[in-house]
Amino acid sequence: MLLKLFAGGPQDAWDIEQVLAGGATDVVNDVEVHIDELPSAARELWARLRASH
């Protein structure tokens, strides 16, 4: 998931949306632990995708 956020392409965003739609709380928790280690664009993408789910 972190690599998908780092890459940040449209397919990556779609893939992340699918995981979030599935309710993968363990994955969300793991991302939250490490999100500050990613570039700002990745953090913004995460915030946007989380807000939509």
N, C-alpha and C. Protein backbone atom coordinates (compact mmCIF):
# COMPACT_ATOMS: atom_id res chain seq x y z
N MET A 1 0.82 -1.17 0.00
CA MET A 1 0.00 0.00 0.00
C MET A 1 0.88 1.25 0.00
N LEU A 2 1.93 1.25 0.79
CA LEU A 2 2.81 2.41 0.83
C LEU A 2 3.47 2.66 -0.52
N LEU A 3 3.84 1.61 -1.19
CA LEU A 3 4.43 1.76 -2.52
C LEU A 3 3.41 2.31 -3.50
N LYS A 4 2.17 1.86 -3.41
CA LYS A 4 1.10 2.39 -4.26
C LYS A 4 0.93 3.88 -4.01
N LEU A 5 0.95 4.28 -2.74
CA LEU A 5 0.82 5.70 -2.41
C LEU A 5 2.00 6.49 -2.94
N PHE A 6 3.19 5.93 -2.80
CA PHE A 6 4.40 6.60 -3.28
C PHE A 6 4.34 6.78 -4.79
N ALA A 7 3.90 5.76 -5.51
CA ALA A 7 3.81 5.85 -6.97
C ALA A 7 2.74 6.86 -7.37
N GLY A 8 1.56 6.76 -6.76
CA GLY A 8 0.53 7.76 -6.90
C GLY A 8 -0.16 7.89 -8.23
N GLY A 9 -0.05 6.91 -9.10
CA GLY A 9 -0.72 6.98 -10.40
C GLY A 9 -2.20 6.65 -10.30
N PRO A 10 -2.93 6.86 -11.39
CA PRO A 10 -4.37 6.57 -11.37
C PRO A 10 -4.70 5.12 -11.04
N GLN A 11 -3.93 4.19 -11.57
CA GLN A 11 -4.17 2.78 -11.27
C GLN A 11 -3.85 2.49 -9.81
N ASP A 12 -2.82 3.12 -9.30
CA ASP A 12 -2.47 2.96 -7.88
C ASP A 12 -3.60 3.46 -7.00
N ALA A 13 -4.15 4.62 -7.32
CA ALA A 13 -5.26 5.18 -6.54
C ALA A 13 -6.46 4.25 -6.60
N TRP A 14 -6.74 3.71 -7.78
CA TRP A 14 -7.87 2.78 -7.92
C TRP A 14 -7.64 1.55 -7.06
N ASP A 15 -6.43 1.01 -7.09
CA ASP A 15 -6.12 -0.17 -6.29
C ASP A 15 -6.33 0.11 -4.80
N ILE A 16 -5.87 1.25 -4.35
CA ILE A 16 -6.04 1.62 -2.95
C ILE A 16 -7.52 1.75 -2.60
N GLU A 17 -8.28 2.37 -3.49
CA GLU A 17 -9.73 2.51 -3.27
C GLU A 17 -10.39 1.15 -3.11
N GLN A 18 -9.97 0.18 -3.87
CA GLN A 18 -10.55 -1.15 -3.79
C GLN A 18 -10.25 -1.79 -2.43
N VAL A 19 -9.04 -1.60 -1.96
CA VAL A 19 -8.68 -2.14 -0.64
C VAL A 19 -9.48 -1.45 0.45
N LEU A 20 -9.59 -0.13 0.36
CA LEU A 20 -10.36 0.62 1.36
C LEU A 20 -11.82 0.23 1.33
N ALA A 21 -12.36 0.01 0.15
CA ALA A 21 -13.77 -0.38 0.03
C ALA A 21 -14.01 -1.74 0.68
N GLY A 22 -12.98 -2.57 0.71
CA GLY A 22 -13.10 -3.88 1.32
C GLY A 22 -13.01 -3.84 2.84
N GLY A 23 -12.74 -2.68 3.39
CA GLY A 23 -12.70 -2.54 4.84
C GLY A 23 -11.47 -3.15 5.49
N ALA A 24 -10.34 -3.06 4.84
CA ALA A 24 -9.10 -3.66 5.35
C ALA A 24 -8.51 -2.79 6.47
N THR A 25 -9.07 -2.90 7.66
CA THR A 25 -8.65 -2.04 8.76
C THR A 25 -7.21 -2.27 9.19
N ASP A 26 -6.72 -3.49 9.09
CA ASP A 26 -5.32 -3.76 9.43
C ASP A 26 -4.38 -3.02 8.50
N VAL A 27 -4.72 -3.00 7.22
CA VAL A 27 -3.90 -2.30 6.23
C VAL A 27 -3.94 -0.80 6.50
N VAL A 28 -5.11 -0.28 6.78
CA VAL A 28 -5.26 1.15 7.08
C VAL A 28 -4.42 1.52 8.29
N ASN A 29 -4.48 0.72 9.32
CA ASN A 29 -3.69 0.98 10.53
C ASN A 29 -2.20 0.97 10.24
N ASP A 30 -1.75 0.01 9.43
CA ASP A 30 -0.33 -0.06 9.08
C ASP A 30 0.10 1.17 8.29
N VAL A 31 -0.74 1.60 7.35
CA VAL A 31 -0.41 2.80 6.57
C VAL A 31 -0.34 4.01 7.49
N GLU A 32 -1.28 4.14 8.40
CA GLU A 32 -1.30 5.29 9.31
C GLU A 32 -0.01 5.37 10.14
N VAL A 33 0.55 4.23 10.49
CA VAL A 33 1.79 4.22 11.27
C VAL A 33 2.96 4.81 10.47
N HIS A 34 2.97 4.59 9.15
CA HIS A 34 4.11 4.96 8.32
C HIS A 34 3.85 6.13 7.36
N ILE A 35 2.66 6.68 7.35
CA ILE A 35 2.30 7.68 6.34
C ILE A 35 3.21 8.91 6.39
N ASP A 36 3.67 9.30 7.55
CA ASP A 36 4.53 10.48 7.67
C ASP A 36 5.90 10.31 7.02
N GLU A 37 6.24 9.07 6.71
CA GLU A 37 7.52 8.80 6.06
C GLU A 37 7.46 9.02 4.55
N LEU A 38 6.27 9.20 4.02
CA LEU A 38 6.09 9.36 2.58
C LEU A 38 6.11 10.83 2.19
N PRO A 39 6.37 11.11 0.91
CA PRO A 39 6.34 12.49 0.42
C PRO A 39 4.94 13.11 0.56
N SER A 40 4.88 14.41 0.52
CA SER A 40 3.61 15.12 0.73
C SER A 40 2.54 14.71 -0.28
N ALA A 41 2.92 14.47 -1.52
CA ALA A 41 1.93 14.06 -2.52
C ALA A 41 1.27 12.74 -2.14
N ALA A 42 2.04 11.82 -1.61
CA ALA A 42 1.51 10.53 -1.17
C ALA A 42 0.59 10.71 0.03
N ARG A 43 0.98 11.57 0.95
CA ARG A 43 0.14 11.84 2.13
C ARG A 43 -1.17 12.50 1.73
N GLU A 44 -1.11 13.39 0.76
CA GLU A 44 -2.33 14.05 0.26
C GLU A 44 -3.25 13.04 -0.42
N LEU A 45 -2.67 12.14 -1.21
CA LEU A 45 -3.47 11.11 -1.87
C LEU A 45 -4.15 10.23 -0.83
N TRP A 46 -3.42 9.84 0.19
CA TRP A 46 -3.98 9.02 1.26
C TRP A 46 -5.15 9.73 1.94
N ALA A 47 -4.95 10.99 2.26
CA ALA A 47 -6.00 11.77 2.92
C ALA A 47 -7.24 11.86 2.03
N ARG A 48 -7.04 12.09 0.76
CA ARG A 48 -8.16 12.18 -0.18
C ARG A 48 -8.91 10.87 -0.29
N LEU A 49 -8.18 9.77 -0.40
CA LEU A 49 -8.81 8.46 -0.54
C LEU A 49 -9.50 8.04 0.75
N ARG A 50 -8.90 8.34 1.88
CA ARG A 50 -9.52 8.01 3.17
C ARG A 50 -10.80 8.80 3.37
N ALA A 51 -10.80 10.05 2.95
CA ALA A 51 -11.99 10.89 3.11
C ALA A 51 -13.15 10.39 2.27
N SER A 52 -12.84 9.74 1.18
CA SER A 52 -13.91 9.25 0.29
C SER A 52 -14.47 7.89 0.74
N HIS A 53 -13.85 7.29 1.75
CA HIS A 53 -14.34 5.98 2.25
C HIS A 53 -14.65 6.07 3.69
